Protein backbone atom coordinates (compact mmCIF):
# COMPACT_ATOMS: atom_id res chain seq x y z
CA MET A 1 -4.81 -122.03 -3.45
CA GLU A 2 -4.33 -120.11 -6.70
CA THR A 3 -6.29 -117.17 -5.29
CA ASN A 4 -4.08 -117.06 -2.16
CA LEU A 5 -0.96 -117.19 -4.34
CA LYS A 6 -2.21 -114.25 -6.40
CA LYS A 7 -2.86 -112.28 -3.18
CA LEU A 8 0.63 -113.10 -1.90
CA LEU A 9 2.27 -112.00 -5.16
CA SER A 10 0.21 -108.78 -5.17
CA THR A 11 1.27 -108.03 -1.60
CA PHE A 12 4.91 -108.73 -2.44
CA ALA A 13 4.71 -106.34 -5.41
CA VAL A 14 3.26 -103.60 -3.24
CA VAL A 15 6.00 -104.05 -0.66
CA CYS A 16 8.69 -103.91 -3.34
CA ALA A 17 7.14 -100.74 -4.76
CA CYS A 18 7.08 -99.14 -1.29
CA MET A 19 10.69 -100.06 -0.65
CA THR A 20 11.68 -98.60 -4.01
CA THR A 21 9.80 -95.40 -3.23
CA VAL A 22 11.38 -95.08 0.21
CA GLY A 23 14.82 -95.77 -1.26
CA ALA A 24 14.33 -93.08 -3.89
CA ALA A 25 13.10 -90.65 -1.24
CA SER A 26 16.11 -91.44 0.93
CA HIS A 27 18.38 -90.83 -2.03
CA ASP A 28 16.68 -87.51 -2.64
CA CYS A 29 17.17 -86.65 1.03
CA ASP A 30 20.86 -87.45 0.83
CA ASP A 31 21.10 -85.19 -2.22
CA ASN A 32 19.48 -82.44 -0.13
CA GLN A 33 16.41 -82.23 -2.43
CA LYS A 34 13.63 -81.03 -0.16
CA MET A 35 15.56 -82.54 2.71
CA GLU A 36 13.90 -80.56 5.49
CA ASP A 37 10.36 -81.19 4.21
CA TYR A 38 11.07 -84.90 3.84
CA CYS A 39 12.66 -85.17 7.27
CA MET A 40 9.77 -83.45 8.97
CA LYS A 41 7.36 -85.77 7.18
CA GLU A 42 9.22 -89.06 7.59
CA GLY A 43 11.21 -88.34 10.75
CA ASN A 44 14.23 -90.41 9.76
CA CYS A 45 16.79 -87.99 8.25
CA CYS A 46 19.66 -86.00 9.61
CA ALA A 47 18.43 -82.94 11.50
CA ALA A 48 21.72 -81.05 11.29
CA PRO A 49 21.76 -78.18 8.77
CA ARG A 50 23.24 -79.41 5.46
CA VAL A 51 24.14 -77.40 2.37
CA ASN A 52 24.33 -78.30 -1.31
CA GLY A 53 27.84 -78.86 -2.63
CA GLY A 54 29.52 -77.55 0.50
CA ALA A 55 31.94 -78.84 3.10
CA ASP A 56 29.27 -78.76 5.85
CA VAL A 57 31.60 -76.62 7.95
CA PHE A 58 30.02 -74.05 10.24
CA ILE A 59 31.16 -71.07 12.26
CA SER A 60 29.18 -69.17 14.86
CA ALA A 61 29.54 -66.25 17.22
CA ASP A 62 27.61 -65.46 20.39
CA PHE A 63 27.08 -62.12 22.07
CA ILE A 64 26.36 -62.65 25.76
CA LEU A 65 24.93 -60.31 28.38
CA TRP A 66 25.42 -62.20 31.64
CA ILE A 67 25.35 -61.47 35.32
CA ALA A 68 27.69 -63.30 37.70
CA ASN A 69 26.79 -64.13 41.29
CA GLN A 70 28.81 -65.99 43.88
CA SER A 71 27.81 -66.87 47.42
CA GLY A 72 30.22 -66.28 50.29
CA LEU A 73 31.25 -62.75 49.23
CA GLY A 74 29.84 -60.91 52.25
CA MET A 75 32.06 -57.98 53.31
CA GLN A 76 30.34 -56.60 56.38
CA THR A 77 27.14 -56.90 58.37
CA THR A 78 25.24 -54.43 60.52
CA GLY A 79 22.80 -55.16 63.30
CA VAL A 80 25.49 -56.30 65.75
CA PRO A 81 25.56 -54.42 69.12
CA THR A 82 28.88 -53.11 70.36
CA THR A 83 28.13 -54.56 73.82
CA ARG A 84 26.27 -57.64 74.97
CA ALA A 85 23.93 -55.50 77.12
CA ALA A 86 22.77 -53.17 74.34
CA ALA A 87 19.36 -51.65 75.08
CA THR A 88 18.19 -51.43 71.46
CA LEU A 89 19.16 -53.17 68.29
CA ASN A 90 18.21 -52.23 64.77
CA LYS A 91 17.76 -54.83 62.05
CA GLY A 92 21.01 -55.23 60.19
CA LYS A 93 22.06 -55.92 56.62
CA VAL A 94 24.81 -57.90 54.97
CA PHE A 95 26.80 -56.06 52.27
CA TYR A 96 27.84 -57.86 49.08
CA PRO A 97 29.39 -56.60 45.83
CA THR A 98 26.61 -55.27 43.61
CA SER A 99 26.08 -57.51 40.57
CA LYS A 100 25.42 -55.95 37.17
CA VAL A 101 24.96 -57.25 33.63
CA LYS A 102 28.25 -57.46 31.71
CA PRO A 103 29.02 -58.33 28.05
CA GLY A 104 31.07 -61.24 26.75
CA PHE A 105 31.31 -63.52 23.73
CA LYS A 106 31.60 -67.08 22.38
CA VAL A 107 33.08 -68.35 19.11
CA ASP A 108 32.48 -71.79 17.54
CA LEU A 109 34.01 -73.84 14.75
CA GLY A 110 32.61 -77.21 13.68
CA VAL A 111 31.85 -79.68 10.90
CA VAL A 112 28.92 -82.01 10.17
CA LEU A 113 30.33 -85.40 9.17
CA ASP A 114 29.03 -87.68 6.42
CA HIS A 115 29.25 -90.61 8.82
CA ASP A 116 25.69 -91.02 10.17
CA CYS A 117 25.30 -87.24 10.57
CA TRP A 118 27.68 -86.92 13.53
CA ASP A 119 29.24 -83.52 14.10
CA ILE A 120 32.29 -82.17 15.94
CA PHE A 121 32.77 -78.61 17.16
CA ALA A 122 34.81 -76.50 19.54
CA GLU A 123 33.51 -73.48 21.46
CA TYR A 124 35.44 -70.82 23.37
CA THR A 125 33.76 -68.54 25.96
CA TRP A 126 35.17 -65.29 27.36
CA PHE A 127 33.54 -63.32 30.16
CA ASN A 128 35.08 -60.64 32.38
CA SER A 129 33.23 -58.76 35.10
CA THR A 130 33.97 -56.45 38.02
CA TYR A 131 31.47 -55.63 40.78
CA SER A 132 31.93 -53.21 43.66
CA LYS A 133 30.12 -51.99 46.78
CA ARG A 134 30.67 -49.18 49.28
CA SER A 135 28.87 -48.91 52.62
CA THR A 136 27.99 -45.78 54.55
CA THR A 137 29.40 -45.04 57.98
CA ASN A 138 27.77 -47.22 60.60
CA SER A 139 28.74 -47.71 64.26
CA ASP A 140 27.43 -51.29 64.55
CA ALA A 141 29.05 -52.75 61.42
CA VAL A 142 31.21 -55.86 61.73
CA ALA A 143 33.79 -57.00 59.20
CA LEU A 144 32.97 -60.45 57.83
CA ILE A 145 36.59 -60.91 56.74
CA ASN A 146 38.37 -60.01 59.97
CA PRO A 147 41.16 -57.49 59.31
CA GLU A 148 42.50 -57.69 62.89
CA PRO A 149 42.88 -61.43 63.62
CA GLN A 150 45.62 -60.84 66.22
CA THR A 151 43.46 -58.76 68.55
CA SER A 152 39.86 -59.89 68.16
CA TRP A 153 37.58 -62.54 66.72
CA MET A 154 35.19 -59.75 65.70
CA THR A 155 36.23 -56.31 64.43
CA PHE A 156 33.84 -53.35 64.34
CA VAL A 157 34.32 -51.09 61.32
CA ASP A 158 32.81 -47.76 60.34
CA SER A 159 32.83 -48.13 56.57
CA THR A 160 33.65 -50.75 53.97
CA SER A 161 34.36 -50.74 50.25
CA GLY A 162 34.98 -53.85 48.19
CA LYS A 163 35.48 -55.08 44.65
CA TRP A 164 35.13 -58.58 43.15
CA ASN A 165 36.63 -59.31 39.74
CA LEU A 166 36.06 -62.46 37.67
CA ARG A 167 37.98 -63.48 34.54
CA PHE A 168 36.26 -66.49 32.99
CA ASN A 169 37.62 -68.58 30.11
CA ASN A 170 36.14 -71.86 28.91
CA ILE A 171 36.57 -74.33 26.02
CA ASP A 172 34.11 -77.10 25.10
CA LEU A 173 35.02 -79.89 22.66
CA THR A 174 31.88 -81.78 21.64
CA MET A 175 30.85 -84.67 19.41
CA GLY A 176 27.14 -85.31 18.85
CA ARG A 177 24.45 -86.56 16.48
CA ASN A 178 21.50 -84.39 15.45
CA TYR A 179 18.53 -86.51 14.39
CA TRP A 180 14.73 -86.30 14.07
CA ASN A 181 12.99 -87.90 17.02
CA SER A 182 9.54 -87.20 15.58
CA GLU A 183 7.97 -85.10 12.86
CA TYR A 184 8.69 -81.78 14.59
CA LEU A 185 11.23 -82.66 17.31
CA SER A 186 14.97 -82.97 16.80
CA MET A 187 17.48 -84.11 19.40
CA ARG A 188 21.25 -83.97 19.65
CA PRO A 189 22.84 -86.08 22.39
CA HIS A 190 26.50 -85.21 22.77
CA ILE A 191 29.64 -86.13 24.66
CA GLY A 192 32.96 -84.38 24.96
CA LEU A 193 35.44 -82.50 27.11
CA LYS A 194 35.33 -79.21 29.03
CA GLY A 195 38.30 -77.11 30.06
CA SER A 196 38.21 -73.88 32.03
CA TRP A 197 40.66 -71.44 33.56
CA GLN A 198 39.52 -68.57 35.77
CA ARG A 199 40.88 -65.87 38.04
CA GLN A 200 39.08 -64.13 40.88
CA ASN A 201 40.21 -61.14 42.94
CA PHE A 202 38.33 -59.99 46.04
CA ASP A 203 39.61 -56.69 47.48
CA ILE A 204 38.14 -55.09 50.62
CA ASP A 205 39.06 -51.85 52.42
CA TYR A 206 37.91 -51.28 56.01
CA THR A 207 37.96 -48.05 58.02
CA GLN A 208 38.05 -48.07 61.83
CA THR A 209 37.52 -44.53 63.09
CA ALA A 210 37.62 -45.49 66.76
CA ASN A 211 41.04 -47.12 66.43
CA ALA A 212 42.19 -44.62 63.76
CA VAL A 213 43.33 -47.35 61.37
CA GLU A 214 42.50 -48.48 57.88
CA ASP A 215 42.85 -52.06 56.70
CA LYS A 216 43.02 -53.68 53.30
CA VAL A 217 42.23 -57.32 52.53
CA ARG A 218 43.48 -58.75 49.24
CA MET A 219 42.31 -62.23 48.22
CA LYS A 220 43.20 -63.96 44.97
CA GLN A 221 42.07 -67.28 43.48
CA ASN A 222 43.47 -68.98 40.36
CA TYR A 223 41.53 -71.95 39.00
CA TRP A 224 41.83 -74.50 36.22
CA GLY A 225 39.74 -77.59 35.53
CA VAL A 226 39.36 -80.25 32.84
CA GLY A 227 36.93 -83.14 32.59
CA LEU A 228 34.04 -84.88 30.89
CA ARG A 229 30.93 -83.15 29.53
CA SER A 230 27.68 -84.71 28.30
CA GLY A 231 24.19 -83.49 27.56
CA LEU A 232 21.24 -83.14 25.21
CA GLN A 233 20.16 -80.39 22.82
CA SER A 234 16.61 -80.34 21.47
CA ALA A 235 14.46 -78.24 19.15
CA PHE A 236 10.70 -78.21 18.58
CA TYR A 237 9.86 -76.89 15.09
CA PHE A 238 6.78 -74.76 14.49
CA ASN A 239 7.66 -74.83 10.76
CA LYS A 240 10.78 -75.12 8.63
CA GLU A 241 12.23 -71.79 9.81
CA PHE A 242 11.16 -71.25 13.43
CA SER A 243 11.76 -73.49 16.44
CA LEU A 244 11.95 -73.52 20.22
CA PHE A 245 15.26 -74.91 21.52
CA GLY A 246 16.26 -76.29 24.91
CA ASP A 247 19.77 -77.38 25.93
CA PHE A 248 21.10 -79.27 28.94
CA ALA A 249 24.62 -80.40 29.88
CA MET A 250 26.52 -81.68 32.93
CA SER A 251 30.27 -81.74 33.51
CA ALA A 252 32.65 -83.09 36.12
CA LEU A 253 36.01 -81.28 36.14
CA TRP A 254 39.20 -82.34 37.86
CA SER A 255 40.12 -78.92 39.27
CA GLN A 256 42.90 -77.10 41.03
CA PHE A 257 42.40 -74.05 43.26
CA LYS A 258 45.28 -71.78 44.23
CA ASN A 259 44.39 -69.14 46.82
CA ARG A 260 46.27 -66.32 48.48
CA ASN A 261 45.14 -64.03 51.30
CA LYS A 262 46.83 -60.77 52.40
CA ILE A 263 45.72 -58.44 55.22
CA GLN A 264 47.54 -55.18 55.98
CA THR A 265 46.90 -52.13 58.16
CA ARG A 266 48.16 -48.59 58.76
CA ALA A 267 47.19 -45.38 60.55
CA LEU A 268 44.04 -43.74 59.22
CA ASN A 269 44.57 -41.07 56.53
CA SER A 270 48.33 -41.36 56.69
CA ASN A 271 51.12 -42.08 54.28
CA ASP A 272 52.70 -44.64 56.58
CA SER A 273 53.69 -48.02 55.22
CA TYR A 274 51.25 -50.87 55.71
CA THR A 275 52.11 -53.52 58.28
CA TRP A 276 51.12 -57.18 57.90
CA ASN A 277 48.22 -58.68 59.86
CA ALA A 278 47.98 -61.96 57.92
CA TYR A 279 49.47 -63.64 54.87
CA ASN A 280 48.54 -67.19 53.84
CA SER A 281 48.06 -69.30 50.74
CA GLY A 282 46.87 -72.76 49.78
CA SER A 283 46.46 -75.14 46.85
CA TYR A 284 44.43 -78.30 46.44
CA HIS A 285 42.54 -80.46 43.91
CA ILE A 286 38.86 -81.41 43.85
CA VAL A 287 36.18 -82.52 41.36
CA THR A 288 33.92 -79.60 40.41
CA PRO A 289 30.41 -80.30 39.01
CA VAL A 290 28.95 -77.87 36.45
CA LEU A 291 25.34 -77.57 35.27
CA GLU A 292 24.38 -75.79 32.02
CA MET A 293 20.87 -75.00 30.72
CA ALA A 294 19.45 -72.82 27.95
CA LEU A 295 16.02 -72.04 26.48
CA GLY A 296 15.09 -69.78 23.57
CA LEU A 297 13.85 -69.23 19.99
CA ARG A 298 15.65 -70.06 16.75
CA TRP A 299 15.31 -69.03 13.09
CA ASP A 300 16.89 -70.99 10.20
CA THR A 301 17.11 -70.10 6.52
CA TRP A 302 18.89 -71.41 3.41
CA ILE A 303 20.16 -69.08 0.67
CA SER A 304 21.64 -69.28 -2.86
CA ASN A 305 19.92 -72.54 -3.88
CA GLU A 306 20.61 -74.00 -0.40
CA GLU A 307 24.35 -73.66 -0.82
CA PHE A 308 24.55 -71.72 2.45
CA HIS A 309 22.69 -71.88 5.74
CA PHE A 310 22.19 -69.08 8.25
CA MET A 311 20.79 -69.42 11.76
CA LEU A 312 19.95 -66.80 14.38
CA GLN A 313 18.81 -67.62 17.91
CA ALA A 314 18.33 -65.86 21.24
CA GLY A 315 17.66 -67.33 24.65
CA TRP A 316 18.36 -67.41 28.35
CA GLU A 317 21.41 -69.37 29.46
CA LEU A 318 22.42 -70.47 32.95
CA GLN A 319 25.61 -72.08 34.27
CA GLU A 320 25.99 -73.27 37.87
CA TRP A 321 29.52 -73.96 39.13
CA TRP A 322 29.47 -75.73 42.48
CA SER A 323 31.94 -74.75 45.27
CA GLN A 324 33.75 -72.23 43.08
CA ASN A 325 34.39 -69.76 45.90
CA ASN A 326 37.33 -71.03 47.93
CA PHE A 327 38.86 -67.80 49.17
CA ASN A 328 41.01 -68.39 52.24
CA ASN A 329 39.89 -67.12 55.62
CA VAL A 330 42.06 -66.55 58.68
CA TYR A 331 39.77 -68.72 60.83
CA ALA A 332 38.71 -71.39 58.34
CA ASP A 333 40.03 -73.23 55.31
CA GLY A 334 38.01 -71.32 52.74
CA VAL A 335 34.62 -69.66 52.55
CA ARG A 336 32.69 -72.05 50.32
CA GLY A 337 30.23 -70.74 47.76
CA ASP A 338 28.69 -71.55 44.36
CA MET A 339 29.07 -69.37 41.27
CA THR A 340 26.21 -68.69 38.85
CA LEU A 341 26.50 -67.21 35.36
CA GLN A 342 23.23 -66.38 33.63
CA GLY A 343 21.71 -64.04 31.12
CA LEU A 344 20.92 -63.37 27.47
CA THR A 345 22.83 -65.23 24.73
CA ILE A 346 22.42 -64.28 21.05
CA LYS A 347 23.97 -66.66 18.49
CA ALA A 348 24.54 -66.28 14.75
CA ARG A 349 25.65 -69.38 12.77
CA PHE A 350 26.78 -69.77 9.16
CA ASP A 351 27.14 -73.12 7.31
CA PHE A 352 28.97 -73.44 4.02
């Protein structure tokens, strides 16, 4: 009995010593003494960058090189015979605006809270792009946006030129918690709000040599949306400085689309005034889903006795906006299409 009691007291002493050690280590972690090394070893500390004696406020800026694509922007197609009894038919091609990489930016402002390592930040995104396309003269080309709805369901054109312009603005308000899930893996689940306002212009000019007329189609779409956003950010650390990050988020935005469609015509190569062929507009609300993903490499460093933190990362980012193309059509209520934004994103962050 006495032997068992001695064993029990010895065990209790060991447990108390361990608890004291862990408590001291936790206190050291809170004081930011070897915080990152401790967190990677124990896996139970805040994974957000912290600085000594600072406000834990951070700012960041992103340089983006993205390319925008949107389905439903076909302007003309070849490979259509002028008569039903055509003897030969060459394989045709659909003409779209040519997409190219364009620059943009993001700016962030946030703070890491003392309350259980939660953080709050706001991010603004600006992206503006213009894409154009011009076709060569072709006798079997058909306009996909019919410039002569009064006379025909299908209009043959000799040449086409078009331009699509996108003005993209977006704000994300996010609250999340960055914690160590294991020795080398950190995760940040987050919730928040997304707001976006966008403008699209789709301008097409058609030339009909046979009828000696030229037509212009002018389509405009104004959009705004606001809704809930949630997702997960993760980072796998190779060591204290370098990591591989992966981000994922989904949003559902209550959205409004306002569209306007103008079609005018005049005599070819003349200075005559344009006459109207069509003029319509529409407005409605719908829920728009948005998918966001990113993957890349990150580098972290602390300077001046860990009073400041600097981070640099680069990766590939993708955003998918469902049913974002709702340009009006003379024969249908909109030409539906999804919009994709993707490309290189380079971020620099500073904590103080």
